[in-house]
Protein backbone atom coordinates (compact mmCIF):
# COMPACT_ATOMS: atom_id res chain seq x y z
CA MET A 1 6.92 -21.65 58.18
CA PRO A 2 7.66 -19.43 61.12
CA ALA A 3 4.94 -19.18 63.74
CA GLN A 4 4.01 -15.58 62.81
CA GLU A 5 3.44 -16.50 59.15
CA LEU A 6 1.27 -19.44 60.20
CA ALA A 7 -0.78 -17.16 62.45
CA ASN A 8 -1.23 -14.60 59.65
CA ALA A 9 -2.26 -17.33 57.20
CA SER A 10 -4.88 -18.73 59.61
CA VAL A 11 -6.33 -15.25 60.23
CA LYS A 12 -6.59 -14.57 56.49
CA ALA A 13 -8.27 -17.93 55.94
CA THR A 14 -11.00 -17.14 58.49
CA MET A 15 -11.73 -13.61 57.23
CA PRO A 16 -14.72 -13.20 54.92
CA PRO A 17 -13.87 -12.18 51.35
CA GLU A 18 -13.97 -8.47 50.64
CA ALA A 19 -17.27 -7.32 49.23
CA PRO A 20 -17.09 -5.73 45.79
CA PRO A 21 -17.82 -2.01 45.71
CA ALA A 22 -21.53 -1.23 45.56
CA GLN A 23 -22.95 -0.40 42.16
CA PRO A 24 -24.35 3.12 41.63
CA ALA A 25 -27.95 1.90 41.70
CA GLU A 26 -27.34 0.18 45.04
CA ARG A 27 -25.58 3.26 46.43
CA ALA A 28 -28.57 5.37 45.33
CA ARG A 29 -30.95 3.02 47.16
CA ILE A 30 -28.87 3.19 50.32
CA LEU A 31 -28.71 6.99 50.07
CA LEU A 32 -32.49 7.35 49.60
CA ASP A 33 -33.17 5.03 52.53
CA SER A 34 -30.75 6.97 54.73
CA LEU A 35 -32.27 10.32 53.82
CA HIS A 36 -35.79 9.00 54.42
CA GLN A 37 -34.84 7.65 57.85
CA ARG A 38 -33.42 11.06 58.81
CA GLY A 39 -36.62 12.84 57.79
CA ILE A 40 -35.31 14.33 54.54
CA ARG A 41 -37.79 14.31 51.67
CA LEU A 42 -36.75 14.52 48.04
CA GLU A 43 -38.65 15.71 45.01
CA VAL A 44 -37.55 15.22 41.43
CA GLY A 45 -38.66 17.91 39.02
CA SER A 46 -38.23 18.50 35.34
CA LYS A 47 -34.89 17.64 33.78
CA GLY A 48 -34.06 15.48 36.78
CA ARG A 49 -33.68 18.39 39.19
CA ILE A 50 -33.63 17.14 42.76
CA SER A 51 -34.77 19.21 45.73
CA ALA A 52 -34.40 18.16 49.35
CA ARG A 53 -36.40 19.36 52.34
CA PRO A 54 -35.39 20.39 54.93
CA ALA A 55 -32.06 21.32 53.38
CA ARG A 56 -30.47 22.05 56.75
CA LEU A 57 -30.46 18.32 57.53
CA LEU A 58 -28.27 17.51 54.52
CA THR A 59 -24.60 16.90 55.21
CA ASP A 60 -21.84 17.78 52.76
CA GLN A 61 -21.46 14.05 52.10
CA ASP A 62 -25.19 13.79 51.29
CA LYS A 63 -24.86 16.66 48.82
CA GLN A 64 -21.83 15.11 47.14
CA SER A 65 -23.59 11.76 46.90
CA LEU A 66 -26.73 13.31 45.44
CA ILE A 67 -24.66 15.11 42.80
CA ALA A 68 -22.67 11.98 41.93
CA LEU A 69 -25.72 9.71 41.81
CA LYS A 70 -28.24 12.22 40.44
CA ALA A 71 -29.54 10.10 37.56
CA PHE A 72 -29.81 6.95 39.68
CA VAL A 73 -31.50 8.77 42.57
CA ALA A 74 -33.99 10.45 40.22
CA ALA A 75 -34.86 7.15 38.52
CA LEU A 76 -35.29 5.33 41.82
CA TRP A 77 -37.36 8.18 43.29
CA LYS A 78 -39.67 8.13 40.25
CA GLU A 79 -40.02 4.35 40.53
CA ARG A 80 -40.79 4.44 44.26
CA ASN A 81 -43.30 7.26 43.89
CA ASP A 82 -45.04 5.75 40.88
CA VAL A 83 -44.34 8.76 38.68
CA TRP A 84 -44.92 8.69 34.95
CA VAL A 85 -42.99 11.28 32.97
CA VAL A 86 -43.42 12.28 29.33
CA GLU A 87 -40.25 13.76 27.87
């Protein structure tokens, strides 16, 4: 093998394996923790409606993530806040 190929092979061998993409529930947990650390409080209302206060602290990425993970965020919020819901 040429020297460059040997160097590339040794670098690849020492690199950690790529982590699989995070599951939606894990992404929701990370999002809730991030929002909490930045002082953003969520409330989950009827039909899974999510409100965030203060809204001015939300980034566009936060909004997109909340929309994409709405069901997971609502479920995790209810679990963390010990909420019992009758539907």
